[in-house]
Amino acid sequence: MQTQLSDNARKAETNQLEERQDSISASVTADWQGGWASATADYRLNHQNYAEDSQENRNTLEGNAELKLGRDSDPVDLIIKHSQRSQYNSPAAAEISDNLDDRQIYSVIPSAKWAISTVDRLVLQGNFDDVRFKEQSFKDSERRGGMVYWNHRFSNTDSLQVTAGTTEVEYKSSALDSYSSDYAHLTYSAQLRSLSYSLMAGVTEAQFADGDDDYQAPTYRGNLIYQAGAQTFSVTAYQEITDSSYGAGNTDDLVPGADNDGVGVDQIERQFVSADWQSDSLCGRCSFKLFVHLRNDDYRRLAEDGTQRVVGSSLAYRISEYMTLSGRVSRGREAFDSPSKADFDRDSAGLQLESKIAASASAALFYTFERRAYVDGGSKYDVNAIGVSLNYTF
């Protein structure tokens, strides 16, 4: 549970409201493994209360679950997934709960596998995704498709995969914006002692249901993780065609502090790059993290093109066995192609002192600062908040 006092509850430039804001949350994590089946779940339920009614009190559920029937070595298997995330309605929306929406994605993925040889495997996979929004139901969609891929293992550490597939996306409230896409790509993966990476390159072609604006674009994805002692370095970069309903599919590929994954109903050509460096070797009691994230969205029809970028760092210092002091700072920019939208910078910082008060309980005192300032100098707002939190683990 947590309570904080904010000096600008609605994040407004004028008529600022001081307010106590309380939240109570509970998290559940489960992991089960059977002979031919497995399941995982990780959910967090939160209730947010605003003492001066600056916003509507809000209940949110975020997390994901997966049930897998069949083992990797079996000729067939079935995966059923559910995920739910809260996200802001647009990149320009003030980050208050009134501008939040909840997105659920239900997925069913059947697969059939054939071992052609000791190093070659052929897989036929189907997929069905049902995307639902709590508030913006006009963005609800269904995705149906399938793919076939051949995987060749060169050794115990590297492999090559060739993939081809098709997907149909249907909007329940906007049939003319429904579309289909066909894709093919080649992926090389390697996992070494300290380094693991995968490189994918291919092409995707998308066609709207009304026959207009057919589009073809290269697609690529690269992932790299390097671990050496107490240091970890990771990079992710990709370009893909997605849409404003499915977006990144409730993954963690969102720019920190800018939790929006698409506006309106449209296709999106998205470029995303993130780099993270984490080190526990700066001092015997320190843990340091530095990150850079960038996302560019190019909409096919809507004038919502924009770029989100942010750089930030965090540092945690263990004062004693029972007490830790941590701080974070970040700066980001939202830039829009449309002249009707104003670019702005977003600054964020926080400081927290956490103390372990029992074997399963901890308490923390924290301070946070947030600023949004428009690049043209038009307006800005600051938010300061101080609070305490109590955590208990069963």
Protein backbone atom coordinates (compact mmCIF):
# COMPACT_ATOMS: atom_id res chain seq x y z
CA MET A 1 0.00 0.00 0.00
CA GLN A 2 1.09 3.56 -0.65
CA THR A 3 0.01 7.10 0.12
CA GLN A 4 1.44 10.30 -1.34
CA LEU A 5 0.78 14.03 -1.30
CA SER A 6 0.89 15.68 -4.75
CA ASP A 7 1.06 19.46 -5.29
CA ASN A 8 -0.46 19.24 -8.81
CA ALA A 9 -2.91 16.35 -8.89
CA ARG A 10 -4.27 16.98 -12.40
CA LYS A 11 -0.87 17.91 -13.87
CA ALA A 12 -2.14 21.32 -14.96
CA GLU A 13 -0.30 24.56 -15.69
CA THR A 14 -2.85 26.65 -13.73
CA ASN A 15 -5.38 26.02 -10.96
CA GLN A 16 -3.13 23.40 -9.41
CA LEU A 17 -4.71 21.13 -6.82
CA GLU A 18 -2.96 19.65 -3.79
CA GLU A 19 -4.25 16.16 -3.05
CA ARG A 20 -3.58 12.99 -1.08
CA GLN A 21 -3.50 9.96 -3.37
CA ASP A 22 -3.72 6.43 -1.96
CA SER A 23 -3.20 3.06 -3.61
CA ILE A 24 -3.56 -0.53 -2.47
CA SER A 25 -2.18 -3.32 -4.63
CA ALA A 26 -1.70 -7.07 -4.51
CA SER A 27 0.51 -9.19 -6.77
CA VAL A 28 0.24 -12.90 -7.47
CA THR A 29 2.86 -15.04 -9.22
CA ALA A 30 2.44 -18.74 -9.99
CA ASP A 31 4.49 -21.32 -11.89
CA TRP A 32 3.33 -24.91 -12.43
CA GLN A 33 4.97 -27.75 -14.35
CA GLY A 34 3.28 -31.08 -15.09
CA GLY A 35 4.31 -34.04 -17.20
CA TRP A 36 2.77 -32.78 -20.46
CA ALA A 37 1.54 -29.34 -19.45
CA SER A 38 2.81 -26.16 -17.82
CA ALA A 39 1.34 -22.86 -16.69
CA THR A 40 2.58 -19.47 -15.50
CA ALA A 41 0.75 -16.41 -14.18
CA ASP A 42 1.86 -12.99 -12.98
CA TYR A 43 -0.82 -10.39 -12.13
CA ARG A 44 -1.06 -7.18 -10.13
CA LEU A 45 -4.37 -5.73 -8.91
CA ASN A 46 -4.38 -2.07 -7.88
CA HIS A 47 -6.98 0.33 -6.43
CA GLN A 48 -6.22 4.06 -6.72
CA ASN A 49 -8.10 6.60 -4.59
CA TYR A 50 -8.03 10.39 -5.04
CA ALA A 51 -8.98 12.24 -1.86
CA GLU A 52 -10.07 15.49 -3.60
CA ASP A 53 -11.72 13.75 -6.59
CA SER A 54 -9.19 15.19 -9.05
CA GLN A 55 -9.72 12.03 -11.09
CA GLU A 56 -11.99 9.02 -10.95
CA ASN A 57 -10.97 6.35 -8.47
CA ARG A 58 -9.64 3.46 -10.53
CA ASN A 59 -9.22 -0.31 -10.26
CA THR A 60 -6.65 -1.85 -12.61
CA LEU A 61 -5.45 -5.38 -13.31
CA GLU A 62 -2.17 -5.85 -15.15
CA GLY A 63 -0.23 -8.99 -15.94
CA ASN A 64 -0.16 -12.11 -18.05
CA ALA A 65 -0.79 -15.85 -17.95
CA GLU A 66 0.11 -18.77 -20.20
CA LEU A 67 -1.05 -22.38 -20.37
CA LYS A 68 0.89 -24.80 -22.56
CA LEU A 69 -0.46 -28.25 -23.41
CA GLY A 70 2.26 -30.46 -24.86
CA ARG A 71 6.02 -30.52 -24.57
CA ASP A 72 8.59 -29.15 -27.01
CA SER A 73 9.42 -32.71 -28.05
CA ASP A 74 5.77 -33.62 -28.76
CA PRO A 75 4.46 -33.56 -32.37
CA VAL A 76 1.68 -31.11 -31.45
CA ASP A 77 1.12 -28.53 -28.73
CA LEU A 78 -1.32 -25.76 -27.83
CA ILE A 79 -0.55 -22.46 -26.10
CA ILE A 80 -3.27 -20.27 -24.57
CA LYS A 81 -2.30 -16.77 -23.39
CA HIS A 82 -3.92 -13.80 -21.69
CA SER A 83 -2.39 -10.39 -21.00
CA GLN A 84 -3.71 -7.06 -19.77
CA ARG A 85 -2.03 -3.65 -19.63
CA SER A 86 -3.08 -0.08 -18.85
CA GLN A 87 -1.96 2.53 -21.37
CA TYR A 88 -2.59 6.18 -22.15
CA ASN A 89 -4.96 7.08 -24.97
CA SER A 90 -2.37 9.11 -26.89
CA PRO A 91 1.27 10.24 -26.53
CA ALA A 92 0.09 13.81 -25.93
CA ALA A 93 -2.39 12.91 -23.18
CA ALA A 94 -1.66 14.14 -19.66
CA GLU A 95 -0.54 11.17 -17.58
CA ILE A 96 -3.53 10.99 -15.26
CA SER A 97 -5.85 8.05 -14.70
CA ASP A 98 -8.74 9.73 -16.59
CA ASN A 99 -6.69 9.26 -19.78
CA LEU A 100 -5.93 5.56 -19.19
CA ASP A 101 -7.48 2.60 -20.95
CA ASP A 102 -7.10 -1.15 -20.34
CA ARG A 103 -6.16 -3.50 -23.18
CA GLN A 104 -6.68 -7.26 -22.97
CA ILE A 105 -5.27 -9.75 -25.48
CA TYR A 106 -6.41 -13.38 -25.61
CA SER A 107 -4.26 -15.67 -27.78
CA VAL A 108 -4.59 -19.27 -28.95
CA ILE A 109 -1.56 -20.79 -30.73
CA PRO A 110 -1.68 -24.42 -31.99
CA SER A 111 1.43 -26.00 -33.51
CA ALA A 112 2.34 -29.17 -35.39
CA LYS A 113 6.01 -30.20 -35.60
CA TRP A 114 7.95 -32.63 -37.76
CA ALA A 115 11.56 -33.71 -37.17
CA ILE A 116 12.95 -33.99 -40.71
CA SER A 117 16.39 -34.96 -39.42
CA THR A 118 18.43 -34.70 -36.24
CA VAL A 119 19.17 -31.03 -37.05
CA ASP A 120 16.12 -29.99 -39.11
CA ARG A 121 12.59 -29.30 -37.93
CA LEU A 122 9.48 -28.13 -39.79
CA VAL A 123 6.71 -26.37 -37.83
CA LEU A 124 3.21 -25.35 -38.90
CA GLN A 125 1.68 -22.83 -36.48
CA GLY A 126 -1.69 -21.08 -36.31
CA ASN A 127 -2.62 -18.05 -34.28
CA PHE A 128 -5.77 -16.30 -33.10
CA ASP A 129 -5.70 -13.05 -31.09
CA ASP A 130 -8.70 -11.23 -29.64
CA VAL A 131 -7.86 -7.64 -28.65
CA ARG A 132 -10.29 -5.76 -26.39
CA PHE A 133 -10.25 -2.26 -24.91
CA LYS A 134 -12.26 -1.27 -21.84
CA GLU A 135 -12.99 2.32 -22.91
CA GLN A 136 -12.08 2.67 -26.61
CA SER A 137 -14.00 -0.34 -27.89
CA PHE A 138 -13.80 0.99 -31.48
CA LYS A 139 -10.18 -0.25 -31.42
CA ASP A 140 -11.22 -3.87 -30.69
CA SER A 141 -9.85 -6.30 -33.27
CA GLU A 142 -9.38 -9.96 -34.12
CA ARG A 143 -6.21 -11.38 -35.69
CA ARG A 144 -6.17 -14.74 -37.48
CA GLY A 145 -3.32 -16.30 -39.36
CA GLY A 146 -0.68 -18.94 -39.63
CA MET A 147 2.92 -19.50 -40.49
CA VAL A 148 5.31 -22.25 -41.45
CA TYR A 149 8.98 -22.28 -40.57
CA TRP A 150 11.97 -24.51 -41.11
CA ASN A 151 14.72 -24.52 -38.48
CA HIS A 152 18.21 -25.87 -39.15
CA ARG A 153 20.59 -26.31 -36.22
CA PHE A 154 24.24 -25.85 -37.21
CA SER A 155 25.52 -26.75 -33.74
CA ASN A 156 24.46 -26.69 -30.11
CA THR A 157 24.95 -22.91 -30.10
CA ASP A 158 23.57 -21.54 -33.40
CA SER A 159 20.72 -22.11 -35.85
CA LEU A 160 19.04 -20.71 -38.96
CA GLN A 161 15.28 -20.32 -39.47
CA VAL A 162 13.21 -19.54 -42.58
CA THR A 163 9.65 -18.31 -41.95
CA ALA A 164 6.65 -17.43 -44.13
CA GLY A 165 3.16 -16.52 -42.95
CA THR A 166 -0.01 -14.52 -43.31
CA THR A 167 -2.26 -12.57 -40.91
CA GLU A 168 -5.76 -11.12 -41.27
CA VAL A 169 -6.82 -8.29 -38.95
CA GLU A 170 -10.51 -7.45 -38.59
CA TYR A 171 -11.82 -4.37 -36.79
CA LYS A 172 -15.26 -5.01 -35.37
CA SER A 173 -16.41 -1.38 -35.77
CA SER A 174 -14.43 -0.30 -38.85
CA ALA A 175 -14.48 -2.94 -41.59
CA LEU A 176 -12.78 -0.72 -44.21
CA ASP A 177 -9.72 -0.37 -41.95
CA SER A 178 -9.36 -4.15 -41.65
CA TYR A 179 -6.31 -5.48 -43.47
CA SER A 180 -4.21 -8.53 -44.25
CA SER A 181 -0.44 -8.95 -44.31
CA ASP A 182 1.94 -11.51 -45.78
CA TYR A 183 5.51 -11.86 -44.59
CA ALA A 184 8.70 -13.86 -45.06
CA HIS A 185 11.96 -13.59 -43.17
CA LEU A 186 15.24 -15.28 -42.31
CA THR A 187 16.56 -15.52 -38.73
CA TYR A 188 20.01 -16.47 -37.43
CA SER A 189 20.42 -17.13 -33.69
CA ALA A 190 23.46 -17.90 -31.54
CA GLN A 191 23.95 -18.48 -27.83
CA LEU A 192 27.54 -18.36 -26.62
CA ARG A 193 29.04 -18.35 -23.14
CA SER A 194 28.69 -14.60 -22.49
CA LEU A 195 26.85 -13.47 -25.60
CA SER A 196 23.49 -14.40 -27.10
CA TYR A 197 21.93 -12.75 -30.15
CA SER A 198 19.47 -13.19 -32.98
CA LEU A 199 19.23 -11.35 -36.31
CA MET A 200 16.11 -11.40 -38.50
CA ALA A 201 15.55 -9.78 -41.91
CA GLY A 202 12.64 -10.05 -44.31
CA VAL A 203 9.76 -8.26 -45.98
CA THR A 204 6.08 -7.65 -45.14
CA GLU A 205 3.26 -6.65 -47.50
CA ALA A 206 -0.01 -5.25 -46.11
CA GLN A 207 -3.32 -4.63 -47.94
CA PHE A 208 -6.32 -2.70 -46.60
CA ALA A 209 -9.74 -4.32 -47.01
CA ASP A 210 -10.95 -1.38 -49.15
CA GLY A 211 -8.12 -1.95 -51.64
CA ASP A 212 -6.35 1.37 -51.01
CA ASP A 213 -2.84 2.09 -49.70
CA ASP A 214 -1.25 -1.31 -50.26
CA TYR A 215 2.16 -1.22 -48.66
CA GLN A 216 5.39 -3.22 -48.72
CA ALA A 217 8.30 -2.64 -46.37
CA PRO A 218 11.43 -4.40 -45.14
CA THR A 219 11.23 -5.88 -41.65
CA TYR A 220 14.09 -6.63 -39.32
CA ARG A 221 14.73 -7.46 -35.68
CA GLY A 222 17.95 -7.76 -33.73
CA ASN A 223 18.40 -8.80 -30.11
CA LEU A 224 21.70 -8.95 -28.24
CA ILE A 225 22.52 -9.72 -24.60
CA TYR A 226 26.09 -9.64 -23.28
CA GLN A 227 26.90 -10.68 -19.72
CA ALA A 228 30.34 -10.39 -18.17
CA GLY A 229 30.67 -10.76 -14.44
CA ALA A 230 28.51 -8.15 -12.72
CA GLN A 231 27.65 -6.30 -15.94
CA THR A 232 24.85 -6.85 -18.46
CA PHE A 233 24.42 -5.06 -21.77
CA SER A 234 21.37 -5.57 -23.99
CA VAL A 235 20.18 -4.10 -27.30
CA THR A 236 16.90 -4.54 -29.16
CA ALA A 237 16.12 -3.01 -32.55
CA TYR A 238 13.32 -3.73 -34.99
CA GLN A 239 11.14 -2.44 -37.80
CA GLU A 240 7.73 -3.98 -38.36
CA ILE A 241 4.21 -3.35 -39.60
CA THR A 242 1.66 -3.43 -36.78
CA ASP A 243 -1.53 -1.51 -35.98
CA SER A 244 -2.96 0.81 -33.34
CA SER A 245 -5.04 -1.99 -31.79
CA TYR A 246 -2.43 -4.71 -31.27
CA GLY A 247 0.66 -2.48 -31.12
CA ALA A 248 3.53 -4.27 -29.40
CA GLY A 249 1.19 -6.96 -28.15
CA ASN A 250 1.37 -6.17 -24.41
CA THR A 251 5.12 -6.77 -24.36
CA ASP A 252 7.59 -4.48 -22.59
CA ASP A 253 8.55 -2.72 -25.84
CA LEU A 254 7.16 0.65 -24.76
CA VAL A 255 9.20 3.76 -24.15
CA PRO A 256 9.49 4.29 -20.36
CA GLY A 257 7.26 7.14 -19.19
CA ALA A 258 5.34 7.14 -22.48
CA ASP A 259 2.97 4.20 -22.13
CA ASN A 260 0.95 4.62 -25.32
CA ASP A 261 0.81 1.97 -28.02
CA GLY A 262 -1.27 3.49 -30.81
CA VAL A 263 -3.92 6.13 -31.58
CA GLY A 264 -7.18 5.64 -33.48
CA VAL A 265 -7.57 2.80 -36.01
CA ASP A 266 -4.75 2.44 -38.53
CA GLN A 267 -1.71 0.47 -39.65
CA ILE A 268 1.64 1.56 -38.23
CA GLU A 269 5.16 1.09 -39.55
CA ARG A 270 7.18 1.11 -36.34
CA GLN A 271 10.90 1.44 -35.68
CA PHE A 272 12.06 0.70 -32.15
CA VAL A 273 15.54 0.77 -30.57
CA SER A 274 16.50 0.22 -26.95
CA ALA A 275 19.87 -0.17 -25.23
CA ASP A 276 20.36 -1.00 -21.54
CA TRP A 277 23.52 -1.30 -19.46
CA GLN A 278 23.40 -2.58 -15.89
CA SER A 279 26.39 -2.90 -13.58
CA ASP A 280 26.88 -4.06 -10.00
CA SER A 281 30.64 -3.41 -10.09
CA LEU A 282 30.80 0.37 -9.58
CA CYS A 283 31.13 -0.26 -5.87
CA GLY A 284 30.53 -3.17 -3.53
CA ARG A 285 27.12 -1.82 -2.49
CA CYS A 286 25.94 -0.21 -5.76
CA SER A 287 23.71 -1.21 -8.65
CA PHE A 288 23.68 1.17 -11.63
CA LYS A 289 21.53 1.17 -14.78
CA LEU A 290 21.64 3.35 -17.90
CA PHE A 291 19.09 3.13 -20.71
CA VAL A 292 18.23 4.73 -24.06
CA HIS A 293 14.94 4.05 -25.87
CA LEU A 294 13.55 5.37 -29.16
CA ARG A 295 10.33 4.62 -31.04
CA ASN A 296 9.11 6.09 -34.34
CA ASP A 297 5.55 5.45 -35.54
CA ASP A 298 4.58 6.11 -39.18
CA TYR A 299 0.80 5.83 -39.61
CA ARG A 300 -0.56 4.83 -43.00
CA ARG A 301 -3.66 7.08 -43.00
CA LEU A 302 -3.96 9.07 -39.78
CA ALA A 303 -1.94 12.22 -39.04
CA GLU A 304 -0.53 10.70 -35.85
CA ASP A 305 3.11 10.18 -36.93
CA GLY A 306 5.52 10.80 -34.10
CA THR A 307 8.75 9.92 -32.33
CA GLN A 308 9.30 9.10 -28.68
CA ARG A 309 12.78 9.04 -27.20
CA VAL A 310 14.10 8.92 -23.66
CA VAL A 311 17.41 8.53 -21.85
CA GLY A 312 17.70 7.77 -18.16
CA SER A 313 19.61 6.16 -15.35
CA SER A 314 19.09 4.75 -11.88
CA LEU A 315 21.39 4.03 -8.94
CA ALA A 316 20.74 1.93 -5.84
CA TYR A 317 23.10 2.04 -2.84
CA ARG A 318 22.83 -0.54 -0.06
CA ILE A 319 23.43 1.42 3.13
CA SER A 320 23.19 -1.69 5.28
CA GLU A 321 21.73 -5.16 5.21
CA TYR A 322 18.32 -3.65 5.97
CA MET A 323 18.36 -0.26 4.22
CA THR A 324 18.74 0.87 0.58
CA LEU A 325 18.82 4.35 -0.94
CA SER A 326 17.92 4.59 -4.64
CA GLY A 327 17.48 7.36 -7.18
CA ARG A 328 16.43 7.69 -10.81
CA VAL A 329 16.37 10.41 -13.45
CA SER A 330 15.22 10.52 -17.08
CA ARG A 331 14.56 12.96 -19.91
CA GLY A 332 12.36 12.29 -22.92
CA ARG A 333 10.87 14.10 -25.90
CA GLU A 334 7.61 13.58 -27.77
CA ALA A 335 7.88 14.91 -31.34
CA PHE A 336 4.97 14.96 -33.80
CA ASP A 337 4.98 15.42 -37.58
CA SER A 338 1.61 17.19 -37.60
CA PRO A 339 1.86 20.99 -37.16
CA SER A 340 -1.33 20.86 -35.08
CA LYS A 341 0.50 18.97 -32.31
CA ALA A 342 3.12 20.62 -30.12
CA ASP A 343 6.36 18.81 -29.28
CA PHE A 344 7.26 18.62 -25.61
CA ASP A 345 9.99 17.44 -23.24
CA ARG A 346 9.33 15.25 -20.23
CA ASP A 347 11.65 15.21 -17.20
CA SER A 348 11.28 12.75 -14.35
CA ALA A 349 13.24 12.07 -11.16
CA GLY A 350 12.76 10.16 -7.95
CA LEU A 351 14.47 9.36 -4.66
CA GLN A 352 13.56 6.51 -2.29
CA LEU A 353 14.79 5.23 1.07
CA GLU A 354 13.64 1.67 1.72
CA SER A 355 14.04 -0.24 4.97
CA LYS A 356 13.41 -3.90 5.73
CA ILE A 357 11.34 -3.99 8.92
CA ALA A 358 10.69 -7.74 9.10
CA ALA A 359 11.55 -10.92 7.23
CA SER A 360 8.68 -10.37 4.78
CA ALA A 361 7.94 -6.65 5.16
CA SER A 362 9.54 -3.38 4.10
CA ALA A 363 8.68 0.32 4.27
CA ALA A 364 9.83 3.20 2.08
CA LEU A 365 9.85 6.99 2.06
CA PHE A 366 9.94 8.52 -1.43
CA TYR A 367 9.93 11.78 -3.40
CA THR A 368 9.13 12.17 -7.12
CA PHE A 369 9.35 15.08 -9.54
CA GLU A 370 7.86 15.40 -13.03
CA ARG A 371 7.94 18.25 -15.55
CA ARG A 372 6.38 18.62 -18.99
CA ALA A 373 7.55 21.63 -21.02
CA TYR A 374 6.50 22.38 -24.59
CA VAL A 375 9.40 22.99 -26.97
CA ASP A 376 7.86 26.17 -28.40
CA GLY A 377 7.84 27.66 -24.91
CA GLY A 378 4.06 27.76 -24.79
CA SER A 379 3.43 26.14 -21.43
CA LYS A 380 4.69 23.69 -18.86
CA TYR A 381 3.73 22.07 -15.58
CA ASP A 382 5.62 20.64 -12.60
CA VAL A 383 4.50 17.95 -10.18
CA ASN A 384 6.11 17.22 -6.82
CA ALA A 385 4.99 14.33 -4.64
CA ILE A 386 6.17 12.86 -1.36
CA GLY A 387 4.87 9.70 0.23
CA VAL A 388 5.35 6.45 2.10
CA SER A 389 4.73 2.84 1.12
CA LEU A 390 4.48 -0.50 2.91
CA ASN A 391 5.11 -3.86 1.23
CA TYR A 392 4.50 -7.36 2.57
CA THR A 393 5.42 -10.62 0.83
CA PHE A 394 3.74 -13.91 1.68
